[in-house]
Amino acid sequence: MKTAKTTAPVEGRALPERTASWLFSPKSKLADLIQANYKLLFVLRRLGIVLGFGEIKVEEMCRRYAISPDFFLLICRIHSNENPLLPDDWLQRLPVNELIDYLHRSHLYYAHQIPVLRNKIREMARSCEPIHLKILERFLDDYQQETDHHFAYEEETVFPYIHQLVAGHPGNGYNIEQFEHNHSNIEEKLHDLQNIVLKYLPESCQPELRDEVLFDIFLLEEDLHKHTLLENQLLIPYVAQLESHENR
């Protein structure tokens, strides 16, 4: 029996070639997108889209929630593929205010999710020696401080600057290159946390909770990576183009 030829795998499930060509379309059913990549549930949550939408199509859902269909599908592409094929004119059509709002909602999600993960790690480490919990607590303290600083800089400096630029006001010496130069990948440290939990904690740590903690770390790391891609592939190029127009 022959198996269907597949394209490069989309996270969550490999998509048949015949499906991939129409999946990211305004005419697609929203449920088909989620079943192809369950991690798009995180996208729906940040956009305020609730489940129970039946057979609704993407374009209808976007009208209901006042979301640009092109923007929604662009976000879904990036969350479903490491190197998505973006339309040639995507910079000209990017609704930057929707993107900033999405990034802001992502910050709120991370600000909630990191403490949730921390509580699970504490529970997991109860059966270990105190030194193990101490090491994990120190790591999490440092990571929390780094993420708080990272998100605060974007919320208080980068996003207001972009809003000013879109409104036609110069940036008083600031430019997006400064953000790009100092833009750290905050998901990288989560890989170190994975190694600690996966390799170096003793067998006495609760195995079921340990698996759950690892799964949460993997999901959070991947989601933060997509967040970085959105900023690097969409936000920074858009603002750089806007700055070049302003400087002419």
C-alpha atoms as a PDB file:
ATOM      1  CA  MET A   1       0.000   0.000   0.000  1.00  0.00           C
ATOM      2  CA  LYS A   2       1.454   3.372  -1.042  1.00  0.00           C
ATOM      3  CA  THR A   3       1.628   6.172   1.451  1.00  0.00           C
ATOM      4  CA  ALA A   4       0.729   9.754   0.602  1.00  0.00           C
ATOM      5  CA  LYS A   5       3.683  11.924  -0.408  1.00  0.00           C
ATOM      6  CA  THR A   6       4.332  14.597   2.186  1.00  0.00           C
ATOM      7  CA  THR A   7       5.919  17.981   2.218  1.00  0.00           C
ATOM      8  CA  ALA A   8       8.271  19.100   4.990  1.00  0.00           C
ATOM      9  CA  PRO A   9       6.537  18.290   8.276  1.00  0.00           C
ATOM     10  CA  VAL A  10       4.436  20.908   9.967  1.00  0.00           C
ATOM     11  CA  GLU A  11       4.793  20.869  13.724  1.00  0.00           C
ATOM     12  CA  GLY A  12       2.052  18.766  15.229  1.00  0.00           C
ATOM     13  CA  ARG A  13       1.495  16.581  12.131  1.00  0.00           C
ATOM     14  CA  ALA A  14       2.969  15.988   8.677  1.00  0.00           C
ATOM     15  CA  LEU A  15       0.615  17.456   6.090  1.00  0.00           C
ATOM     16  CA  PRO A  16      -0.173  15.574   2.877  1.00  0.00           C
ATOM     17  CA  GLU A  17       0.985  17.489  -0.200  1.00  0.00           C
ATOM     18  CA  ARG A  18      -2.580  17.804  -1.499  1.00  0.00           C
ATOM     19  CA  THR A  19      -3.603  19.384   1.835  1.00  0.00           C
ATOM     20  CA  ALA A  20      -0.710  21.793   2.355  1.00  0.00           C
ATOM     21  CA  SER A  21      -1.568  23.774  -0.789  1.00  0.00           C
ATOM     22  CA  TRP A  22      -4.923  24.969   0.536  1.00  0.00           C
ATOM     23  CA  LEU A  23      -4.609  24.723   4.297  1.00  0.00           C
ATOM     24  CA  PHE A  24      -3.523  28.329   4.937  1.00  0.00           C
ATOM     25  CA  SER A  25      -6.415  29.902   3.093  1.00  0.00           C
ATOM     26  CA  PRO A  26      -9.301  32.172   4.162  1.00  0.00           C
ATOM     27  CA  LYS A  27     -11.599  29.453   2.819  1.00  0.00           C
ATOM     28  CA  SER A  28     -10.101  26.781   5.092  1.00  0.00           C
ATOM     29  CA  LYS A  29     -12.052  25.536   8.069  1.00  0.00           C
ATOM     30  CA  LEU A  30     -10.557  26.733  11.322  1.00  0.00           C
ATOM     31  CA  ALA A  31     -10.893  23.242  12.810  1.00  0.00           C
ATOM     32  CA  ASP A  32      -8.742  21.818   9.978  1.00  0.00           C
ATOM     33  CA  LEU A  33      -5.925  24.194  10.889  1.00  0.00           C
ATOM     34  CA  ILE A  34      -6.023  23.158  14.544  1.00  0.00           C
ATOM     35  CA  GLN A  35      -6.186  19.443  13.732  1.00  0.00           C
ATOM     36  CA  ALA A  36      -3.147  19.841  11.443  1.00  0.00           C
ATOM     37  CA  ASN A  37      -1.180  21.612  14.199  1.00  0.00           C
ATOM     38  CA  TYR A  38      -2.646  21.524  17.701  1.00  0.00           C
ATOM     39  CA  LYS A  39      -0.128  24.145  18.882  1.00  0.00           C
ATOM     40  CA  LEU A  40      -2.176  26.758  17.019  1.00  0.00           C
ATOM     41  CA  LEU A  41      -4.464  26.575  20.048  1.00  0.00           C
ATOM     42  CA  PHE A  42      -1.959  28.944  21.678  1.00  0.00           C
ATOM     43  CA  VAL A  43      -2.519  31.390  18.803  1.00  0.00           C
ATOM     44  CA  LEU A  44      -6.291  31.241  19.253  1.00  0.00           C
ATOM     45  CA  ARG A  45      -5.970  31.885  22.978  1.00  0.00           C
ATOM     46  CA  ARG A  46      -3.913  35.049  22.435  1.00  0.00           C
ATOM     47  CA  LEU A  47      -6.358  36.340  19.875  1.00  0.00           C
ATOM     48  CA  GLY A  48      -9.300  35.762  22.219  1.00  0.00           C
ATOM     49  CA  ILE A  49     -10.850  33.102  19.969  1.00  0.00           C
ATOM     50  CA  VAL A  50     -12.874  30.559  21.936  1.00  0.00           C
ATOM     51  CA  LEU A  51     -13.503  26.950  20.937  1.00  0.00           C
ATOM     52  CA  GLY A  52     -16.853  25.578  19.872  1.00  0.00           C
ATOM     53  CA  PHE A  53     -16.769  27.290  16.466  1.00  0.00           C
ATOM     54  CA  GLY A  54     -18.160  24.340  14.500  1.00  0.00           C
ATOM     55  CA  GLU A  55     -17.437  24.355  10.762  1.00  0.00           C
ATOM     56  CA  ILE A  56     -16.566  28.053  10.601  1.00  0.00           C
ATOM     57  CA  LYS A  57     -14.071  29.148   7.943  1.00  0.00           C
ATOM     58  CA  VAL A  58     -11.062  31.323   8.642  1.00  0.00           C
ATOM     59  CA  GLU A  59     -12.482  34.361   6.849  1.00  0.00           C
ATOM     60  CA  GLU A  60     -15.743  34.200   8.820  1.00  0.00           C
ATOM     61  CA  MET A  61     -13.905  33.789  12.102  1.00  0.00           C
ATOM     62  CA  CYS A  62     -11.716  36.796  11.304  1.00  0.00           C
ATOM     63  CA  ARG A  63     -14.771  38.952  10.575  1.00  0.00           C
ATOM     64  CA  ARG A  64     -16.339  37.849  13.848  1.00  0.00           C
ATOM     65  CA  TYR A  65     -13.233  38.802  15.857  1.00  0.00           C
ATOM     66  CA  ALA A  66     -12.164  41.825  13.756  1.00  0.00           C
ATOM     67  CA  ILE A  67      -8.860  40.210  12.769  1.00  0.00           C
ATOM     68  CA  SER A  68      -7.122  40.570   9.425  1.00  0.00           C
ATOM     69  CA  PRO A  69      -7.302  37.154   7.658  1.00  0.00           C
ATOM     70  CA  ASP A  70      -3.889  37.737   6.074  1.00  0.00           C
ATOM     71  CA  PHE A  71      -2.380  38.463   9.475  1.00  0.00           C
ATOM     72  CA  PHE A  72      -4.018  35.456  11.120  1.00  0.00           C
ATOM     73  CA  LEU A  73      -2.779  33.097   8.409  1.00  0.00           C
ATOM     74  CA  LEU A  74       0.688  34.655   8.539  1.00  0.00           C
ATOM     75  CA  ILE A  75       0.884  33.941  12.271  1.00  0.00           C
ATOM     76  CA  CYS A  76      -0.339  30.384  11.669  1.00  0.00           C
ATOM     77  CA  ARG A  77       2.291  29.816   8.986  1.00  0.00           C
ATOM     78  CA  ILE A  78       5.114  30.919  11.261  1.00  0.00           C
ATOM     79  CA  HIS A  79       3.812  28.795  14.132  1.00  0.00           C
ATOM     80  CA  SER A  80       3.539  25.801  11.788  1.00  0.00           C
ATOM     81  CA  ASN A  81       6.806  25.978   9.866  1.00  0.00           C
ATOM     82  CA  GLU A  82      10.361  26.985  10.708  1.00  0.00           C
ATOM     83  CA  ASN A  83      10.817  28.717   7.322  1.00  0.00           C
ATOM     84  CA  PRO A  84       7.351  29.588   6.008  1.00  0.00           C
ATOM     85  CA  LEU A  85       6.816  30.793   2.457  1.00  0.00           C
ATOM     86  CA  LEU A  86       5.588  34.349   2.961  1.00  0.00           C
ATOM     87  CA  PRO A  87       3.890  36.449   0.259  1.00  0.00           C
ATOM     88  CA  ASP A  88       6.265  38.756  -1.639  1.00  0.00           C
ATOM     89  CA  ASP A  89       4.372  41.857  -0.530  1.00  0.00           C
ATOM     90  CA  TRP A  90       3.906  40.846   3.118  1.00  0.00           C
ATOM     91  CA  LEU A  91       5.776  43.890   4.446  1.00  0.00           C
ATOM     92  CA  GLN A  92       3.433  46.270   2.626  1.00  0.00           C
ATOM     93  CA  ARG A  93       0.328  44.457   3.915  1.00  0.00           C
ATOM     94  CA  LEU A  94       1.433  43.802   7.496  1.00  0.00           C
ATOM     95  CA  PRO A  95      -1.058  45.234  10.036  1.00  0.00           C
ATOM     96  CA  VAL A  96       1.654  46.206  12.519  1.00  0.00           C
ATOM     97  CA  ASN A  97      -0.798  47.251  15.238  1.00  0.00           C
ATOM     98  CA  GLU A  98      -2.308  43.755  15.204  1.00  0.00           C
ATOM     99  CA  LEU A  99       1.175  42.245  15.380  1.00  0.00           C
ATOM    100  CA  ILE A 100       2.167  44.409  18.360  1.00  0.00           C
ATOM    101  CA  ASP A 101      -1.073  43.512  20.122  1.00  0.00           C
ATOM    102  CA  TYR A 102      -0.391  39.822  19.489  1.00  0.00           C
ATOM    103  CA  LEU A 103       3.155  40.141  20.864  1.00  0.00           C
ATOM    104  CA  HIS A 104       1.802  41.999  23.890  1.00  0.00           C
ATOM    105  CA  ARG A 105      -0.728  39.217  24.557  1.00  0.00           C
ATOM    106  CA  SER A 106       2.122  36.718  24.232  1.00  0.00           C
ATOM    107  CA  HIS A 107       4.044  38.579  26.928  1.00  0.00           C
ATOM    108  CA  LEU A 108       1.043  38.279  29.238  1.00  0.00           C
ATOM    109  CA  TYR A 109       0.834  34.559  28.511  1.00  0.00           C
ATOM    110  CA  TYR A 110       4.526  34.021  29.299  1.00  0.00           C
ATOM    111  CA  ALA A 111       4.285  36.126  32.462  1.00  0.00           C
ATOM    112  CA  HIS A 112       1.610  33.675  33.643  1.00  0.00           C
ATOM    113  CA  GLN A 113       3.121  30.472  32.295  1.00  0.00           C
ATOM    114  CA  ILE A 114       6.614  30.826  33.768  1.00  0.00           C
ATOM    115  CA  PRO A 115       5.357  30.946  37.403  1.00  0.00           C
ATOM    116  CA  VAL A 116       3.071  27.969  36.643  1.00  0.00           C
ATOM    117  CA  LEU A 117       6.103  26.037  35.425  1.00  0.00           C
ATOM    118  CA  ARG A 118       8.048  27.118  38.499  1.00  0.00           C
ATOM    119  CA  ASN A 119       5.356  25.728  40.830  1.00  0.00           C
ATOM    120  CA  LYS A 120       5.403  22.386  38.991  1.00  0.00           C
ATOM    121  CA  ILE A 121       9.189  22.215  39.306  1.00  0.00           C
ATOM    122  CA  ARG A 122       8.968  22.882  43.045  1.00  0.00           C
ATOM    123  CA  GLU A 123       6.424  20.085  43.431  1.00  0.00           C
ATOM    124  CA  MET A 124       8.566  17.738  41.335  1.00  0.00           C
ATOM    125  CA  ALA A 125      11.710  18.464  43.393  1.00  0.00           C
ATOM    126  CA  ARG A 126      10.068  17.810  46.779  1.00  0.00           C
ATOM    127  CA  SER A 127      11.259  14.220  46.748  1.00  0.00           C
ATOM    128  CA  CYS A 128      14.834  15.231  45.828  1.00  0.00           C
ATOM    129  CA  GLU A 129      17.634  16.485  48.048  1.00  0.00           C
ATOM    130  CA  PRO A 130      17.311  20.183  49.089  1.00  0.00           C
ATOM    131  CA  ILE A 131      20.394  21.049  47.043  1.00  0.00           C
ATOM    132  CA  HIS A 132      18.583  20.113  43.834  1.00  0.00           C
ATOM    133  CA  LEU A 133      15.681  22.438  44.573  1.00  0.00           C
ATOM    134  CA  LYS A 134      18.147  25.176  45.500  1.00  0.00           C
ATOM    135  CA  ILE A 135      19.893  24.863  42.132  1.00  0.00           C
ATOM    136  CA  LEU A 136      16.592  24.935  40.277  1.00  0.00           C
ATOM    137  CA  GLU A 137      15.324  27.920  42.274  1.00  0.00           C
ATOM    138  CA  ARG A 138      18.492  29.874  41.511  1.00  0.00           C
ATOM    139  CA  PHE A 139      18.188  29.075  37.824  1.00  0.00           C
ATOM    140  CA  LEU A 140      14.521  30.087  37.761  1.00  0.00           C
ATOM    141  CA  ASP A 141      15.221  33.331  39.654  1.00  0.00           C
ATOM    142  CA  ASP A 142      17.784  34.314  37.018  1.00  0.00           C
ATOM    143  CA  TYR A 143      15.497  33.308  34.173  1.00  0.00           C
ATOM    144  CA  GLN A 144      12.522  35.186  35.606  1.00  0.00           C
ATOM    145  CA  GLN A 145      14.653  38.315  35.950  1.00  0.00           C
ATOM    146  CA  GLU A 146      15.892  38.001  32.372  1.00  0.00           C
ATOM    147  CA  THR A 147      12.431  37.508  30.888  1.00  0.00           C
ATOM    148  CA  ASP A 148      10.939  40.353  32.954  1.00  0.00           C
ATOM    149  CA  HIS A 149      13.654  42.689  31.666  1.00  0.00           C
ATOM    150  CA  HIS A 150      13.243  41.441  28.099  1.00  0.00           C
ATOM    151  CA  PHE A 151       9.483  41.950  27.997  1.00  0.00           C
ATOM    152  CA  ALA A 152       9.588  45.289  29.862  1.00  0.00           C
ATOM    153  CA  TYR A 153      12.059  46.674  27.325  1.00  0.00           C
ATOM    154  CA  GLU A 154       9.769  45.740  24.450  1.00  0.00           C
ATOM    155  CA  GLU A 155       6.636  47.051  26.190  1.00  0.00           C
ATOM    156  CA  GLU A 156       8.161  50.324  27.432  1.00  0.00           C
ATOM    157  CA  THR A 157      10.641  51.181  24.659  1.00  0.00           C
ATOM    158  CA  VAL A 158      10.176  49.223  21.427  1.00  0.00           C
ATOM    159  CA  PHE A 159       6.393  49.149  21.060  1.00  0.00           C
ATOM    160  CA  PRO A 160       5.867  52.870  21.922  1.00  0.00           C
ATOM    161  CA  TYR A 161       8.636  53.751  19.460  1.00  0.00           C
ATOM    162  CA  ILE A 162       6.932  51.813  16.664  1.00  0.00           C
ATOM    163  CA  HIS A 163       3.562  53.412  17.425  1.00  0.00           C
ATOM    164  CA  GLN A 164       5.203  56.851  17.224  1.00  0.00           C
ATOM    165  CA  LEU A 165       6.895  55.963  13.951  1.00  0.00           C
ATOM    166  CA  VAL A 166       3.646  54.716  12.407  1.00  0.00           C
ATOM    167  CA  ALA A 167       2.014  57.990  13.473  1.00  0.00           C
ATOM    168  CA  GLY A 168       4.721  59.903  11.607  1.00  0.00           C
ATOM    169  CA  HIS A 169       6.810  61.042  14.576  1.00  0.00           C
ATOM    170  CA  PRO A 170      10.628  60.531  14.585  1.00  0.00           C
ATOM    171  CA  GLY A 171      12.255  58.363  17.237  1.00  0.00           C
ATOM    172  CA  ASN A 172      14.580  60.883  18.929  1.00  0.00           C
ATOM    173  CA  GLY A 173      17.707  58.963  17.991  1.00  0.00           C
ATOM    174  CA  TYR A 174      16.339  55.498  18.666  1.00  0.00           C
ATOM    175  CA  ASN A 175      16.063  52.951  15.836  1.00  0.00           C
ATOM    176  CA  ILE A 176      15.083  49.326  15.419  1.00  0.00           C
ATOM    177  CA  GLU A 177      18.724  48.337  14.845  1.00  0.00           C
ATOM    178  CA  GLN A 178      19.352  48.952  18.550  1.00  0.00           C
ATOM    179  CA  PHE A 179      16.583  46.493  19.391  1.00  0.00           C
ATOM    180  CA  GLU A 180      17.900  43.958  16.877  1.00  0.00           C
ATOM    181  CA  HIS A 181      21.445  44.255  18.228  1.00  0.00           C
ATOM    182  CA  ASN A 182      20.350  43.644  21.841  1.00  0.00           C
ATOM    183  CA  HIS A 183      17.564  41.168  21.056  1.00  0.00           C
ATOM    184  CA  SER A 184      18.316  38.065  23.118  1.00  0.00           C
ATOM    185  CA  ASN A 185      16.757  34.669  22.471  1.00  0.00           C
ATOM    186  CA  ILE A 186      15.236  34.005  25.872  1.00  0.00           C
ATOM    187  CA  GLU A 187      14.268  30.475  24.894  1.00  0.00           C
ATOM    188  CA  GLU A 188      17.919  29.352  24.855  1.00  0.00           C
ATOM    189  CA  LYS A 189      18.224  29.155  28.652  1.00  0.00           C
ATOM    190  CA  LEU A 190      15.223  26.844  28.752  1.00  0.00           C
ATOM    191  CA  HIS A 191      17.384  24.305  26.931  1.00  0.00           C
ATOM    192  CA  ASP A 192      19.756  24.356  29.907  1.00  0.00           C
ATOM    193  CA  LEU A 193      16.782  23.769  32.209  1.00  0.00           C
ATOM    194  CA  GLN A 194      15.754  20.808  30.055  1.00  0.00           C
ATOM    195  CA  ASN A 195      19.176  19.262  30.521  1.00  0.00           C
ATOM    196  CA  ILE A 196      19.055  19.700  34.291  1.00  0.00           C
ATOM    197  CA  VAL A 197      15.653  18.002  34.575  1.00  0.00           C
ATOM    198  CA  LEU A 198      16.352  15.380  31.913  1.00  0.00           C
ATOM    199  CA  LYS A 199      19.901  14.358  32.813  1.00  0.00           C
ATOM    200  CA  TYR A 200      21.013  15.477  36.229  1.00  0.00           C
ATOM    201  CA  LEU A 201      18.185  15.185  38.734  1.00  0.00           C
ATOM    202  CA  PRO A 202      18.166  11.906  40.678  1.00  0.00           C
ATOM    203  CA  GLU A 203      15.757   9.070  39.968  1.00  0.00           C
ATOM    204  CA  SER A 204      13.930   9.886  43.202  1.00  0.00           C
ATOM    205  CA  CYS A 205      12.217  12.853  41.521  1.00  0.00           C
ATOM    206  CA  GLN A 206       8.589  12.000  40.797  1.00  0.00           C
ATOM    207  CA  PRO A 207       8.659  10.421  37.306  1.00  0.00           C
ATOM    208  CA  GLU A 208       5.154  11.400  36.202  1.00  0.00           C
ATOM    209  CA  LEU A 209       5.580  15.010  37.260  1.00  0.00           C
ATOM    210  CA  ARG A 210       9.074  15.063  35.814  1.00  0.00           C
ATOM    211  CA  ASP A 211       7.694  14.058  32.412  1.00  0.00           C
ATOM    212  CA  GLU A 212       5.012  16.740  32.698  1.00  0.00           C
ATOM    213  CA  VAL A 213       7.591  19.391  33.593  1.00  0.00           C
ATOM    214  CA  LEU A 214       9.763  18.409  30.641  1.00  0.00           C
ATOM    215  CA  PHE A 215       6.802  18.509  28.276  1.00  0.00           C
ATOM    216  CA  ASP A 216       5.915  22.016  29.515  1.00  0.00           C
ATOM    217  CA  ILE A 217       9.516  23.185  29.095  1.00  0.00           C
ATOM    218  CA  PHE A 218       9.669  21.851  25.536  1.00  0.00           C
ATOM    219  CA  LEU A 219       6.387  23.577  24.646  1.00  0.00           C
ATOM    220  CA  LEU A 220       7.407  26.868  26.237  1.00  0.00           C
ATOM    221  CA  GLU A 221      10.826  26.840  24.570  1.00  0.00           C
ATOM    222  CA  GLU A 222       9.283  26.211  21.170  1.00  0.00           C
ATOM    223  CA  ASP A 223       6.629  28.871  21.678  1.00  0.00           C
ATOM    224  CA  LEU A 224       9.239  31.440  22.709  1.00  0.00           C
ATOM    225  CA  HIS A 225      11.228  30.536  19.615  1.00  0.00           C
ATOM    226  CA  LYS A 226       8.195  31.311  17.445  1.00  0.00           C
ATOM    227  CA  HIS A 227       7.795  34.591  19.329  1.00  0.00           C
ATOM    228  CA  THR A 228      11.379  35.468  18.388  1.00  0.00           C
ATOM    229  CA  LEU A 229      10.718  34.506  14.752  1.00  0.00           C
ATOM    230  CA  LEU A 230       7.715  36.841  14.627  1.00  0.00           C
ATOM    231  CA  GLU A 231       9.884  39.693  15.836  1.00  0.00           C
ATOM    232  CA  ASN A 232      12.838  38.865  13.575  1.00  0.00           C
ATOM    233  CA  GLN A 233      10.906  38.001  10.420  1.00  0.00           C
ATOM    234  CA  LEU A 234       8.023  40.475  10.680  1.00  0.00           C
ATOM    235  CA  LEU A 235       8.467  43.256  13.205  1.00  0.00           C
ATOM    236  CA  ILE A 236      12.112  44.231  12.668  1.00  0.00           C
ATOM    237  CA  PRO A 237      12.007  44.207   8.801  1.00  0.00           C
ATOM    238  CA  TYR A 238       8.745  46.184   8.813  1.00  0.00           C
ATOM    239  CA  VAL A 239      10.105  48.879  11.121  1.00  0.00           C
ATOM    240  CA  ALA A 240      13.435  49.025   9.258  1.00  0.00           C
ATOM    241  CA  GLN A 241      11.543  49.665   6.015  1.00  0.00           C
ATOM    242  CA  LEU A 242       9.437  52.327   7.722  1.00  0.00           C
ATOM    243  CA  GLU A 243      12.581  54.020   9.038  1.00  0.00           C
ATOM    244  CA  SER A 244      14.155  54.010   5.575  1.00  0.00           C
ATOM    245  CA  HIS A 245      11.100  55.792   4.172  1.00  0.00           C
ATOM    246  CA  GLU A 246      11.240  58.360   6.972  1.00  0.00           C
ATOM    247  CA  ASN A 247      14.914  59.065   6.311  1.00  0.00           C
ATOM    248  CA  ARG A 248      14.495  59.781   2.618  1.00  0.00           C
END
